[in-house]
Amino acid sequence: MVRIAVIAAVLASLSAWPAVAVEPTDVKGLWTGQTPDCGAVNLQINSQRKGALEGTFQCTKTGVTTKFGLRMVLGQQMAGSFDGTTLVLDGEKSTVRLNLDGNKLVGYTAGVGQPKVPMTLTRK
């Protein structure tokens, strides 16, 4: 009888575990770093809902600031998403892919037809 109660308790805890794991880590806020082409890079994440991100990506050397949100709007906005591990910004002319590594986002940015440029951003 005790075995059945223990097995039931273990199964109940395992079935609840995936629901907890679904909630992605909070990545809202300002993330900064450097790249050769952009100089200082500022990634401002203003909103994070159900894997969709909204905010801005700024390249200070060129002065270009690009918005990102739930979906890509050609010429105006990149699509931003986060699955709890990988942050992705996809646009018409470039892609940013970063993996969460503690308090850092580590990965690359690449323009269409261009090589990948390594990038590490830290939360401010």
PDB file of N, CA and C in Angstrom:
ATOM      1  N   MET A   1       0.823  -1.194   0.000  1.00  0.00           N
ATOM      2  CA  MET A   1       0.000   0.000   0.000  1.00  0.00           C
ATOM      3  C   MET A   1       0.870   1.261   0.000  1.00  0.00           C
ATOM      4  N   VAL A   2       1.941   1.221   0.823  1.00  0.00           N
ATOM      5  CA  VAL A   2       2.856   2.361   0.895  1.00  0.00           C
ATOM      6  C   VAL A   2       3.544   2.560  -0.456  1.00  0.00           C
ATOM      7  N   ARG A   3       3.909   1.439  -1.113  1.00  0.00           N
ATOM      8  CA  ARG A   3       4.559   1.542  -2.420  1.00  0.00           C
ATOM      9  C   ARG A   3       3.663   2.256  -3.429  1.00  0.00           C
ATOM     10  N   ILE A   4       2.398   1.933  -3.441  1.00  0.00           N
ATOM     11  CA  ILE A   4       1.467   2.558  -4.374  1.00  0.00           C
ATOM     12  C   ILE A   4       1.382   4.060  -4.111  1.00  0.00           C
ATOM     13  N   ALA A   5       1.350   4.454  -2.845  1.00  0.00           N
ATOM     14  CA  ALA A   5       1.288   5.880  -2.501  1.00  0.00           C
ATOM     15  C   ALA A   5       2.555   6.599  -2.937  1.00  0.00           C
ATOM     16  N   VAL A   6       3.710   5.969  -2.757  1.00  0.00           N
ATOM     17  CA  VAL A   6       4.990   6.573  -3.164  1.00  0.00           C
ATOM     18  C   VAL A   6       5.051   6.696  -4.678  1.00  0.00           C
ATOM     19  N   ILE A   7       4.670   5.647  -5.393  1.00  0.00           N
ATOM     20  CA  ILE A   7       4.675   5.683  -6.855  1.00  0.00           C
ATOM     21  C   ILE A   7       3.722   6.762  -7.368  1.00  0.00           C
ATOM     22  N   ALA A   8       2.554   6.860  -6.766  1.00  0.00           N
ATOM     23  CA  ALA A   8       1.590   7.888  -7.171  1.00  0.00           C
ATOM     24  C   ALA A   8       2.144   9.283  -6.938  1.00  0.00           C
ATOM     25  N   ALA A   9       2.828   9.481  -5.811  1.00  0.00           N
ATOM     26  CA  ALA A   9       3.414  10.794  -5.503  1.00  0.00           C
ATOM     27  C   ALA A   9       4.509  11.148  -6.505  1.00  0.00           C
ATOM     28  N   VAL A  10       5.342  10.167  -6.853  1.00  0.00           N
ATOM     29  CA  VAL A  10       6.412  10.406  -7.830  1.00  0.00           C
ATOM     30  C   VAL A  10       5.821  10.730  -9.195  1.00  0.00           C
ATOM     31  N   LEU A  11       4.847   9.971  -9.644  1.00  0.00           N
ATOM     32  CA  LEU A  11       4.218  10.225 -10.940  1.00  0.00           C
ATOM     33  C   LEU A  11       3.531  11.582 -10.970  1.00  0.00           C
ATOM     34  N   ALA A  12       2.899  11.955  -9.874  1.00  0.00           N
ATOM     35  CA  ALA A  12       2.241  13.264  -9.820  1.00  0.00           C
ATOM     36  C   ALA A  12       3.259  14.381  -9.929  1.00  0.00           C
ATOM     37  N   SER A  13       4.408  14.226  -9.279  1.00  0.00           N
ATOM     38  CA  SER A  13       5.420  15.281  -9.359  1.00  0.00           C
ATOM     39  C   SER A  13       6.031  15.343 -10.751  1.00  0.00           C
ATOM     40  N   LEU A  14       6.211  14.197 -11.406  1.00  0.00           N
ATOM     41  CA  LEU A  14       6.763  14.200 -12.763  1.00  0.00           C
ATOM     42  C   LEU A  14       5.800  14.812 -13.766  1.00  0.00           C
ATOM     43  N   SER A  15       4.519  14.577 -13.622  1.00  0.00           N
ATOM     44  CA  SER A  15       3.569  15.137 -14.569  1.00  0.00           C
ATOM     45  C   SER A  15       3.435  16.642 -14.396  1.00  0.00           C
ATOM     46  N   ALA A  16       3.721  17.172 -13.212  1.00  0.00           N
ATOM     47  CA  ALA A  16       3.655  18.617 -12.982  1.00  0.00           C
ATOM     48  C   ALA A  16       4.928  19.304 -13.447  1.00  0.00           C
ATOM     49  N   TRP A  17       6.043  18.588 -13.521  1.00  0.00           N
ATOM     50  CA  TRP A  17       7.330  19.180 -13.840  1.00  0.00           C
ATOM     51  C   TRP A  17       7.372  19.885 -15.196  1.00  0.00           C
ATOM     52  N   PRO A  18       6.871  19.297 -16.301  1.00  0.00           N
ATOM     53  CA  PRO A  18       6.931  19.993 -17.591  1.00  0.00           C
ATOM     54  C   PRO A  18       6.190  21.328 -17.587  1.00  0.00           C
ATOM     55  N   ALA A  19       5.138  21.454 -16.836  1.00  0.00           N
ATOM     56  CA  ALA A  19       4.410  22.725 -16.793  1.00  0.00           C
ATOM     57  C   ALA A  19       5.281  23.815 -16.206  1.00  0.00           C
ATOM     58  N   VAL A  20       6.123  23.470 -15.248  1.00  0.00           N
ATOM     59  CA  VAL A  20       7.024  24.443 -14.650  1.00  0.00           C
ATOM     60  C   VAL A  20       8.120  24.811 -15.641  1.00  0.00           C
ATOM     61  N   ALA A  21       8.622  23.838 -16.388  1.00  0.00           N
ATOM     62  CA  ALA A  21       9.723  24.071 -17.321  1.00  0.00           C
ATOM     63  C   ALA A  21       9.310  24.912 -18.521  1.00  0.00           C
ATOM     64  N   VAL A  22       8.021  25.041 -18.798  1.00  0.00           N
ATOM     65  CA  VAL A  22       7.546  25.779 -19.959  1.00  0.00           C
ATOM     66  C   VAL A  22       7.793  27.283 -19.808  1.00  0.00           C
ATOM     67  N   GLU A  23       7.779  27.788 -18.595  1.00  0.00           N
ATOM     68  CA  GLU A  23       7.977  29.218 -18.362  1.00  0.00           C
ATOM     69  C   GLU A  23       9.420  29.598 -18.691  1.00  0.00           C
ATOM     70  N   PRO A  24       9.654  30.410 -19.740  1.00  0.00           N
ATOM     71  CA  PRO A  24      11.023  30.790 -20.079  1.00  0.00           C
ATOM     72  C   PRO A  24      11.588  31.814 -19.094  1.00  0.00           C
ATOM     73  N   THR A  25      12.887  31.856 -19.023  1.00  0.00           N
ATOM     74  CA  THR A  25      13.597  32.815 -18.202  1.00  0.00           C
ATOM     75  C   THR A  25      13.286  34.235 -18.665  1.00  0.00           C
ATOM     76  N   ASP A  26      13.202  35.139 -17.721  1.00  0.00           N
ATOM     77  CA  ASP A  26      12.941  36.544 -18.040  1.00  0.00           C
ATOM     78  C   ASP A  26      14.198  37.170 -18.637  1.00  0.00           C
ATOM     79  N   VAL A  27      14.116  37.644 -19.876  1.00  0.00           N
ATOM     80  CA  VAL A  27      15.257  38.289 -20.529  1.00  0.00           C
ATOM     81  C   VAL A  27      14.994  39.773 -20.794  1.00  0.00           C
ATOM     82  N   LYS A  28      13.917  40.316 -20.200  1.00  0.00           N
ATOM     83  CA  LYS A  28      13.615  41.736 -20.400  1.00  0.00           C
ATOM     84  C   LYS A  28      14.732  42.595 -19.817  1.00  0.00           C
ATOM     85  N   GLY A  29      14.931  43.754 -20.425  1.00  0.00           N
ATOM     86  CA  GLY A  29      15.929  44.690 -19.942  1.00  0.00           C
ATOM     87  C   GLY A  29      16.912  45.071 -21.031  1.00  0.00           C
ATOM     88  N   LEU A  30      17.979  45.736 -20.620  1.00  0.00           N
ATOM     89  CA  LEU A  30      19.012  46.211 -21.540  1.00  0.00           C
ATOM     90  C   LEU A  30      20.193  45.245 -21.530  1.00  0.00           C
ATOM     91  N   TRP A  31      20.587  44.795 -22.719  1.00  0.00           N
ATOM     92  CA  TRP A  31      21.747  43.937 -22.921  1.00  0.00           C
ATOM     93  C   TRP A  31      22.726  44.699 -23.810  1.00  0.00           C
ATOM     94  N   THR A  32      24.011  44.719 -23.467  1.00  0.00           N
ATOM     95  CA  THR A  32      24.992  45.477 -24.240  1.00  0.00           C
ATOM     96  C   THR A  32      26.206  44.619 -24.584  1.00  0.00           C
ATOM     97  N   GLY A  33      26.881  45.002 -25.671  1.00  0.00           N
ATOM     98  CA  GLY A  33      28.082  44.306 -26.102  1.00  0.00           C
ATOM     99  C   GLY A  33      28.776  45.090 -27.201  1.00  0.00           C
ATOM    100  N   GLN A  34      29.708  44.454 -27.892  1.00  0.00           N
ATOM    101  CA  GLN A  34      30.500  45.078 -28.955  1.00  0.00           C
ATOM    102  C   GLN A  34      30.610  44.144 -30.145  1.00  0.00           C
ATOM    103  N   THR A  35      30.596  44.713 -31.338  1.00  0.00           N
ATOM    104  CA  THR A  35      30.964  43.974 -32.547  1.00  0.00           C
ATOM    105  C   THR A  35      31.839  44.902 -33.382  1.00  0.00           C
ATOM    106  N   PRO A  36      32.691  44.340 -34.244  1.00  0.00           N
ATOM    107  CA  PRO A  36      33.564  45.187 -35.067  1.00  0.00           C
ATOM    108  C   PRO A  36      32.782  46.155 -35.964  1.00  0.00           C
ATOM    109  N   ASP A  37      31.690  45.695 -36.557  1.00  0.00           N
ATOM    110  CA  ASP A  37      30.942  46.525 -37.496  1.00  0.00           C
ATOM    111  C   ASP A  37      30.034  47.538 -36.817  1.00  0.00           C
ATOM    112  N   CYS A  38      29.522  47.212 -35.633  1.00  0.00           N
ATOM    113  CA  CYS A  38      28.559  48.088 -34.946  1.00  0.00           C
ATOM    114  C   CYS A  38      29.173  48.910 -33.827  1.00  0.00           C
ATOM    115  N   GLY A  39      30.337  48.540 -33.382  1.00  0.00           N
ATOM    116  CA  GLY A  39      30.838  49.168 -32.164  1.00  0.00           C
ATOM    117  C   GLY A  39      29.960  48.688 -31.020  1.00  0.00           C
ATOM    118  N   ALA A  40      29.444  49.610 -30.226  1.00  0.00           N
ATOM    119  CA  ALA A  40      28.557  49.223 -29.129  1.00  0.00           C
ATOM    120  C   ALA A  40      27.215  48.769 -29.681  1.00  0.00           C
ATOM    121  N   VAL A  41      26.711  47.666 -29.121  1.00  0.00           N
ATOM    122  CA  VAL A  41      25.409  47.113 -29.494  1.00  0.00           C
ATOM    123  C   VAL A  41      24.517  47.184 -28.264  1.00  0.00           C
ATOM    124  N   ASN A  42      23.303  47.695 -28.444  1.00  0.00           N
ATOM    125  CA  ASN A  42      22.330  47.759 -27.356  1.00  0.00           C
ATOM    126  C   ASN A  42      21.080  46.996 -27.768  1.00  0.00           C
ATOM    127  N   LEU A  43      20.751  45.981 -26.991  1.00  0.00           N
ATOM    128  CA  LEU A  43      19.538  45.200 -27.206  1.00  0.00           C
ATOM    129  C   LEU A  43      18.598  45.505 -26.041  1.00  0.00           C
ATOM    130  N   GLN A  44      17.529  46.217 -26.321  1.00  0.00           N
ATOM    131  CA  GLN A  44      16.552  46.581 -25.300  1.00  0.00           C
ATOM    132  C   GLN A  44      15.307  45.723 -25.491  1.00  0.00           C
ATOM    133  N   ILE A  45      15.038  44.833 -24.527  1.00  0.00           N
ATOM    134  CA  ILE A  45      13.850  43.981 -24.590  1.00  0.00           C
ATOM    135  C   ILE A  45      12.820  44.572 -23.636  1.00  0.00           C
ATOM    136  N   ASN A  46      11.752  45.108 -24.210  1.00  0.00           N
ATOM    137  CA  ASN A  46      10.720  45.781 -23.423  1.00  0.00           C
ATOM    138  C   ASN A  46       9.603  44.862 -22.984  1.00  0.00           C
ATOM    139  N   SER A  47       9.316  43.831 -23.774  1.00  0.00           N
ATOM    140  CA  SER A  47       8.189  42.951 -23.496  1.00  0.00           C
ATOM    141  C   SER A  47       8.539  41.524 -23.871  1.00  0.00           C
ATOM    142  N   GLN A  48       8.079  40.586 -23.042  1.00  0.00           N
ATOM    143  CA  GLN A  48       8.302  39.168 -23.291  1.00  0.00           C
ATOM    144  C   GLN A  48       7.013  38.444 -22.915  1.00  0.00           C
ATOM    145  N   ARG A  49       6.297  37.962 -23.947  1.00  0.00           N
ATOM    146  CA  ARG A  49       5.033  37.255 -23.717  1.00  0.00           C
ATOM    147  C   ARG A  49       4.965  35.996 -24.563  1.00  0.00           C
ATOM    148  N   LYS A  50       4.789  34.859 -23.906  1.00  0.00           N
ATOM    149  CA  LYS A  50       4.611  33.571 -24.597  1.00  0.00           C
ATOM    150  C   LYS A  50       5.650  33.351 -25.689  1.00  0.00           C
ATOM    151  N   GLY A  51       6.903  33.665 -25.408  1.00  0.00           N
ATOM    152  CA  GLY A  51       7.986  33.441 -26.348  1.00  0.00           C
ATOM    153  C   GLY A  51       8.222  34.556 -27.336  1.00  0.00           C
ATOM    154  N   ALA A  52       7.302  35.526 -27.427  1.00  0.00           N
ATOM    155  CA  ALA A  52       7.474  36.655 -28.343  1.00  0.00           C
ATOM    156  C   ALA A  52       8.146  37.807 -27.604  1.00  0.00           C
ATOM    157  N   LEU A  53       9.100  38.441 -28.256  1.00  0.00           N
ATOM    158  CA  LEU A  53       9.823  39.571 -27.674  1.00  0.00           C
ATOM    159  C   LEU A  53       9.516  40.835 -28.448  1.00  0.00           C
ATOM    160  N   GLU A  54       9.505  41.960 -27.744  1.00  0.00           N
ATOM    161  CA  GLU A  54       9.377  43.269 -28.383  1.00  0.00           C
ATOM    162  C   GLU A  54      10.432  44.189 -27.805  1.00  0.00           C
ATOM    163  N   GLY A  55      11.026  45.007 -28.666  1.00  0.00           N
ATOM    164  CA  GLY A  55      12.034  45.945 -28.213  1.00  0.00           C
ATOM    165  C   GLY A  55      12.793  46.544 -29.381  1.00  0.00           C
ATOM    166  N   THR A  56      14.054  46.915 -29.114  1.00  0.00           N
ATOM    167  CA  THR A  56      14.893  47.517 -30.156  1.00  0.00           C
ATOM    168  C   THR A  56      16.299  46.935 -30.116  1.00  0.00           C
ATOM    169  N   PHE A  57      16.941  46.941 -31.285  1.00  0.00           N
ATOM    170  CA  PHE A  57      18.324  46.512 -31.443  1.00  0.00           C
ATOM    171  C   PHE A  57      19.062  47.687 -32.064  1.00  0.00           C
ATOM    172  N   GLN A  58      20.053  48.215 -31.345  1.00  0.00           N
ATOM    173  CA  GLN A  58      20.743  49.420 -31.809  1.00  0.00           C
ATOM    174  C   GLN A  58      22.214  49.143 -32.082  1.00  0.00           C
ATOM    175  N   CYS A  59      22.659  49.610 -33.253  1.00  0.00           N
ATOM    176  CA  CYS A  59      24.057  49.566 -33.656  1.00  0.00           C
ATOM    177  C   CYS A  59      24.567  51.006 -33.581  1.00  0.00           C
ATOM    178  N   THR A  60      25.381  51.316 -32.571  1.00  0.00           N
ATOM    179  CA  THR A  60      25.747  52.720 -32.345  1.00  0.00           C
ATOM    180  C   THR A  60      26.702  53.286 -33.390  1.00  0.00           C
ATOM    181  N   LYS A  61      27.573  52.460 -33.976  1.00  0.00           N
ATOM    182  CA  LYS A  61      28.533  52.949 -34.971  1.00  0.00           C
ATOM    183  C   LYS A  61      27.822  53.475 -36.225  1.00  0.00           C
ATOM    184  N   THR A  62      26.768  52.765 -36.649  1.00  0.00           N
ATOM    185  CA  THR A  62      26.031  53.191 -37.835  1.00  0.00           C
ATOM    186  C   THR A  62      24.835  54.074 -37.489  1.00  0.00           C
ATOM    187  N   GLY A  63      24.456  54.064 -36.213  1.00  0.00           N
ATOM    188  CA  GLY A  63      23.300  54.851 -35.783  1.00  0.00           C
ATOM    189  C   GLY A  63      21.958  54.214 -36.122  1.00  0.00           C
ATOM    190  N   VAL A  64      21.968  52.959 -36.539  1.00  0.00           N
ATOM    191  CA  VAL A  64      20.737  52.279 -36.929  1.00  0.00           C
ATOM    192  C   VAL A  64      20.103  51.609 -35.712  1.00  0.00           C
ATOM    193  N   THR A  65      18.819  51.889 -35.495  1.00  0.00           N
ATOM    194  CA  THR A  65      18.039  51.216 -34.459  1.00  0.00           C
ATOM    195  C   THR A  65      16.882  50.514 -35.141  1.00  0.00           C
ATOM    196  N   THR A  66      16.745  49.216 -34.885  1.00  0.00           N
ATOM    197  CA  THR A  66      15.708  48.413 -35.511  1.00  0.00           C
ATOM    198  C   THR A  66      14.761  47.881 -34.449  1.00  0.00           C
ATOM    199  N   LYS A  67      13.471  47.981 -34.707  1.00  0.00           N
ATOM    200  CA  LYS A  67      12.468  47.431 -33.806  1.00  0.00           C
ATOM    201  C   LYS A  67      12.292  45.946 -34.086  1.00  0.00           C
ATOM    202  N   PHE A  68      11.914  45.185 -33.046  1.00  0.00           N
ATOM    203  CA  PHE A  68      11.518  43.799 -33.241  1.00  0.00           C
ATOM    204  C   PHE A  68      10.275  43.532 -32.411  1.00  0.00           C
ATOM    205  N   GLY A  69       9.495  42.561 -32.877  1.00  0.00           N
ATOM    206  CA  GLY A  69       8.240  42.248 -32.214  1.00  0.00           C
ATOM    207  C   GLY A  69       7.748  40.863 -32.550  1.00  0.00           C
ATOM    208  N   LEU A  70       6.449  40.670 -32.379  1.00  0.00           N
ATOM    209  CA  LEU A  70       5.824  39.359 -32.561  1.00  0.00           C
ATOM    210  C   LEU A  70       6.072  38.787 -33.946  1.00  0.00           C
ATOM    211  N   ARG A  71       6.031  39.607 -34.955  1.00  0.00           N
ATOM    212  CA  ARG A  71       6.260  39.118 -36.313  1.00  0.00           C
ATOM    213  C   ARG A  71       7.047  40.152 -37.119  1.00  0.00           C
ATOM    214  N   MET A  72       7.611  39.696 -38.208  1.00  0.00           N
ATOM    215  CA  MET A  72       8.400  40.568 -39.062  1.00  0.00           C
ATOM    216  C   MET A  72       7.481  41.448 -39.903  1.00  0.00           C
ATOM    217  N   VAL A  73       7.789  42.727 -39.925  1.00  0.00           N
ATOM    218  CA  VAL A  73       7.108  43.667 -40.800  1.00  0.00           C
ATOM    219  C   VAL A  73       8.189  44.186 -41.738  1.00  0.00           C
ATOM    220  N   LEU A  74       8.132  43.793 -42.990  1.00  0.00           N
ATOM    221  CA  LEU A  74       9.210  44.067 -43.935  1.00  0.00           C
ATOM    222  C   LEU A  74       9.606  45.540 -43.971  1.00  0.00           C
ATOM    223  N   GLY A  75      10.891  45.758 -43.815  1.00  0.00           N
ATOM    224  CA  GLY A  75      11.429  47.103 -43.867  1.00  0.00           C
ATOM    225  C   GLY A  75      11.203  47.914 -42.604  1.00  0.00           C
ATOM    226  N   GLN A  76      10.422  47.396 -41.666  1.00  0.00           N
ATOM    227  CA  GLN A  76      10.100  48.168 -40.470  1.00  0.00           C
ATOM    228  C   GLN A  76      10.477  47.461 -39.172  1.00  0.00           C
ATOM    229  N   GLN A  77      10.317  46.157 -39.121  1.00  0.00           N
ATOM    230  CA  GLN A  77      10.469  45.465 -37.854  1.00  0.00           C
ATOM    231  C   GLN A  77      10.961  44.042 -38.059  1.00  0.00           C
ATOM    232  N   MET A  78      11.821  43.576 -37.143  1.00  0.00           N
ATOM    233  CA  MET A  78      12.282  42.194 -37.133  1.00  0.00           C
ATOM    234  C   MET A  78      11.343  41.380 -36.241  1.00  0.00           C
ATOM    235  N   ALA A  79      11.330  40.059 -36.428  1.00  0.00           N
ATOM    236  CA  ALA A  79      10.570  39.169 -35.554  1.00  0.00           C
ATOM    237  C   ALA A  79      11.483  38.741 -34.411  1.00  0.00           C
ATOM    238  N   GLY A  80      10.993  38.837 -33.166  1.00  0.00           N
ATOM    239  CA  GLY A  80      11.784  38.471 -31.994  1.00  0.00           C
ATOM    240  C   GLY A  80      11.145  37.342 -31.214  1.00  0.00           C
ATOM    241  N   SER A  81      11.942  36.323 -30.866  1.00  0.00           N
ATOM    242  CA  SER A  81      11.408  35.205 -30.088  1.00  0.00           C
ATOM    243  C   SER A  81      12.458  34.686 -29.111  1.00  0.00           C
ATOM    244  N   PHE A  82      11.968  34.021 -28.054  1.00  0.00           N
ATOM    245  CA  PHE A  82      12.841  33.409 -27.055  1.00  0.00           C
ATOM    246  C   PHE A  82      12.137  32.168 -26.520  1.00  0.00           C
ATOM    247  N   ASP A  83      12.824  31.018 -26.589  1.00  0.00           N
ATOM    248  CA  ASP A  83      12.206  29.759 -26.161  1.00  0.00           C
ATOM    249  C   ASP A  83      12.679  29.281 -24.794  1.00  0.00           C
ATOM    250  N   GLY A  84      13.356  30.138 -24.063  1.00  0.00           N
ATOM    251  CA  GLY A  84      13.896  29.756 -22.766  1.00  0.00           C
ATOM    252  C   GLY A  84      15.389  29.495 -22.832  1.00  0.00           C
ATOM    253  N   THR A  85      15.896  29.268 -24.031  1.00  0.00           N
ATOM    254  CA  THR A  85      17.320  29.006 -24.239  1.00  0.00           C
ATOM    255  C   THR A  85      17.904  29.904 -25.323  1.00  0.00           C
ATOM    256  N   THR A  86      17.205  30.003 -26.454  1.00  0.00           N
ATOM    257  CA  THR A  86      17.723  30.718 -27.615  1.00  0.00           C
ATOM    258  C   THR A  86      16.871  31.932 -27.953  1.00  0.00           C
ATOM    259  N   LEU A  87      17.530  33.073 -28.099  1.00  0.00           N
ATOM    260  CA  LEU A  87      16.887  34.317 -28.511  1.00  0.00           C
ATOM    261  C   LEU A  87      17.156  34.489 -30.003  1.00  0.00           C
ATOM    262  N   VAL A  88      16.109  34.750 -30.785  1.00  0.00           N
ATOM    263  CA  VAL A  88      16.242  34.889 -32.233  1.00  0.00           C
ATOM    264  C   VAL A  88      15.578  36.184 -32.678  1.00  0.00           C
ATOM    265  N   LEU A  89      16.319  36.971 -33.460  1.00  0.00           N
ATOM    266  CA  LEU A  89      15.769  38.154 -34.132  1.00  0.00           C
ATOM    267  C   LEU A  89      15.976  37.932 -35.621  1.00  0.00           C
ATOM    268  N   ASP A  90      14.880  37.795 -36.355  1.00  0.00           N
ATOM    269  CA  ASP A  90      14.954  37.562 -37.798  1.00  0.00           C
ATOM    270  C   ASP A  90      14.399  38.762 -38.537  1.00  0.00           C
ATOM    271  N   GLY A  91      15.157  39.238 -39.509  1.00  0.00           N
ATOM    272  CA  GLY A  91      14.716  40.364 -40.324  1.00  0.00           C
ATOM    273  C   GLY A  91      14.907  40.081 -41.789  1.00  0.00           C
ATOM    274  N   GLU A  92      14.529  41.059 -42.587  1.00  0.00           N
ATOM    275  CA  GLU A  92      14.652  40.936 -44.035  1.00  0.00           C
ATOM    276  C   GLU A  92      16.117  40.864 -44.463  1.00  0.00           C
ATOM    277  N   LYS A  93      16.990  41.587 -43.751  1.00  0.00           N
ATOM    278  CA  LYS A  93      18.387  41.689 -44.161  1.00  0.00           C
ATOM    279  C   LYS A  93      19.377  41.085 -43.178  1.00  0.00           C
ATOM    280  N   SER A  94      18.919  40.648 -41.983  1.00  0.00           N
ATOM    281  CA  SER A  94      19.853  40.101 -41.005  1.00  0.00           C
ATOM    282  C   SER A  94      19.171  39.167 -40.017  1.00  0.00           C
ATOM    283  N   THR A  95      20.016  38.410 -39.328  1.00  0.00           N
ATOM    284  CA  THR A  95      19.568  37.478 -38.298  1.00  0.00           C
ATOM    285  C   THR A  95      20.491  37.603 -37.096  1.00  0.00           C
ATOM    286  N   VAL A  96      19.904  37.522 -35.901  1.00  0.00           N
ATOM    287  CA  VAL A  96      20.666  37.475 -34.652  1.00  0.00           C
ATOM    288  C   VAL A  96      20.223  36.217 -33.923  1.00  0.00           C
ATOM    289  N   ARG A  97      21.172  35.375 -33.539  1.00  0.00           N
ATOM    290  CA  ARG A  97      20.868  34.161 -32.766  1.00  0.00           C
ATOM    291  C   ARG A  97      21.797  34.134 -31.559  1.00  0.00           C
ATOM    292  N   LEU A  98      21.190  34.150 -30.366  1.00  0.00           N
ATOM    293  CA  LEU A  98      21.951  34.187 -29.123  1.00  0.00           C
ATOM    294  C   LEU A  98      21.413  33.157 -28.142  1.00  0.00           C
ATOM    295  N   ASN A  99      22.313  32.446 -27.475  1.00  0.00           N
ATOM    296  CA  ASN A  99      21.933  31.478 -26.453  1.00  0.00           C
ATOM    297  C   ASN A  99      22.162  32.085 -25.078  1.00  0.00           C
ATOM    298  N   LEU A 100      21.216  31.871 -24.180  1.00  0.00           N
ATOM    299  CA  LEU A 100      21.340  32.346 -22.814  1.00  0.00           C
ATOM    300  C   LEU A 100      22.367  31.488 -22.094  1.00  0.00           C
ATOM    301  N   ASP A 101      23.389  32.137 -21.536  1.00  0.00           N
ATOM    302  CA  ASP A 101      24.456  31.457 -20.810  1.00  0.00           C
ATOM    303  C   ASP A 101      24.675  32.205 -19.501  1.00  0.00           C
ATOM    304  N   GLY A 102      23.891  31.855 -18.482  1.00  0.00           N
ATOM    305  CA  GLY A 102      23.964  32.567 -17.203  1.00  0.00           C
ATOM    306  C   GLY A 102      23.430  33.974 -17.369  1.00  0.00           C
ATOM    307  N   ASN A 103      24.291  34.973 -17.140  1.00  0.00           N
ATOM    308  CA  ASN A 103      23.878  36.369 -17.302  1.00  0.00           C
ATOM    309  C   ASN A 103      24.350  36.957 -18.628  1.00  0.00           C
ATOM    310  N   LYS A 104      24.651  36.095 -19.601  1.00  0.00           N
ATOM    311  CA  LYS A 104      25.116  36.539 -20.913  1.00  0.00           C
ATOM    312  C   LYS A 104      24.266  35.924 -22.015  1.00  0.00           C
ATOM    313  N   LEU A 105      24.201  36.621 -23.137  1.00  0.00           N
ATOM    314  CA  LEU A 105      23.638  36.091 -24.374  1.00  0.00           C
ATOM    315  C   LEU A 105      24.813  35.925 -25.330  1.00  0.00           C
ATOM    316  N   VAL A 106      25.056  34.708 -25.790  1.00  0.00           N
ATOM    317  CA  VAL A 106      26.231  34.409 -26.609  1.00  0.00           C
ATOM    318  C   VAL A 106      25.782  33.794 -27.927  1.00  0.00           C
ATOM    319  N   GLY A 107      26.303  34.323 -29.033  1.00  0.00           N
ATOM    320  CA  GLY A 107      25.939  33.783 -30.338  1.00  0.00           C
ATOM    321  C   GLY A 107      26.530  34.595 -31.462  1.00  0.00           C
ATOM    322  N   TYR A 108      25.678  34.934 -32.440  1.00  0.00           N
ATOM    323  CA  TYR A 108      26.181  35.642 -33.614  1.00  0.00           C
ATOM    324  C   TYR A 108      25.089  36.507 -34.239  1.00  0.00           C
ATOM    325  N   THR A 109      25.537  37.391 -35.090  1.00  0.00           N
ATOM    326  CA  THR A 109      24.668  38.150 -35.976  1.00  0.00           C
ATOM    327  C   THR A 109      25.204  37.958 -37.387  1.00  0.00           C
ATOM    328  N   ALA A 110      24.332  37.988 -38.367  1.00  0.00           N
ATOM    329  CA  ALA A 110      24.764  37.810 -39.754  1.00  0.00           C
ATOM    330  C   ALA A 110      23.803  38.522 -40.689  1.00  0.00           C
ATOM    331  N   GLY A 111      24.370  39.257 -41.627  1.00  0.00           N
ATOM    332  CA  GLY A 111      23.580  39.850 -42.687  1.00  0.00           C
ATOM    333  C   GLY A 111      23.395  38.833 -43.799  1.00  0.00           C
ATOM    334  N   VAL A 112      22.424  39.063 -44.660  1.00  0.00           N
ATOM    335  CA  VAL A 112      22.178  38.158 -45.785  1.00  0.00           C
ATOM    336  C   VAL A 112      23.433  38.093 -46.650  1.00  0.00           C
ATOM    337  N   GLY A 113      23.915  36.877 -46.870  1.00  0.00           N
ATOM    338  CA  GLY A 113      25.102  36.681 -47.697  1.00  0.00           C
ATOM    339  C   GLY A 113      26.397  37.072 -47.022  1.00  0.00           C
ATOM    340  N   GLN A 114      26.374  37.373 -45.732  1.00  0.00           N
ATOM    341  CA  GLN A 114      27.568  37.784 -44.994  1.00  0.00           C
ATOM    342  C   GLN A 114      27.969  36.699 -43.999  1.00  0.00           C
ATOM    343  N   PRO A 115      29.243  36.682 -43.587  1.00  0.00           N
ATOM    344  CA  PRO A 115      29.661  35.692 -42.587  1.00  0.00           C
ATOM    345  C   PRO A 115      29.084  36.032 -41.212  1.00  0.00           C
ATOM    346  N   LYS A 116      29.011  35.018 -40.357  1.00  0.00           N
ATOM    347  CA  LYS A 116      28.546  35.214 -38.988  1.00  0.00           C
ATOM    348  C   LYS A 116      29.564  36.026 -38.196  1.00  0.00           C
ATOM    349  N   VAL A 117      29.065  36.977 -37.407  1.00  0.00           N
ATOM    350  CA  VAL A 117      29.922  37.794 -36.542  1.00  0.00           C
ATOM    351  C   VAL A 117      29.608  37.406 -35.100  1.00  0.00           C
ATOM    352  N   PRO A 118      30.593  36.868 -34.361  1.00  0.00           N
ATOM    353  CA  PRO A 118      30.337  36.487 -32.971  1.00  0.00           C
ATOM    354  C   PRO A 118      29.887  37.684 -32.132  1.00  0.00           C
ATOM    355  N   MET A 119      29.002  37.429 -31.170  1.00  0.00           N
ATOM    356  CA  MET A 119      28.495  38.502 -30.323  1.00  0.00           C
ATOM    357  C   MET A 119      28.220  37.945 -28.919  1.00  0.00           C
ATOM    358  N   THR A 120      28.624  38.704 -27.905  1.00  0.00           N
ATOM    359  CA  THR A 120      28.304  38.392 -26.517  1.00  0.00           C
ATOM    360  C   THR A 120      27.704  39.651 -25.897  1.00  0.00           C
ATOM    361  N   LEU A 121      26.514  39.510 -25.328  1.00  0.00           N
ATOM    362  CA  LEU A 121      25.844  40.635 -24.677  1.00  0.00           C
ATOM    363  C   LEU A 121      25.666  40.319 -23.197  1.00  0.00           C
ATOM    364  N   THR A 122      25.831  41.331 -22.366  1.00  0.00           N
ATOM    365  CA  THR A 122      25.605  41.184 -20.933  1.00  0.00           C
ATOM    366  C   THR A 122      24.477  42.099 -20.490  1.00  0.00           C
ATOM    367  N   ARG A 123      23.735  41.654 -19.482  1.00  0.00           N
ATOM    368  CA  ARG A 123      22.602  42.431 -18.980  1.00  0.00           C
ATOM    369  C   ARG A 123      23.112  43.602 -18.150  1.00  0.00           C
ATOM    370  N   LYS A 124      22.510  44.760 -18.383  1.00  0.00           N
ATOM    371  CA  LYS A 124      22.849  45.972 -17.596  1.00  0.00           C
ATOM    372  C   LYS A 124      21.809  46.234 -16.568  1.00  0.00           C
TER     373      LYS A 124
END
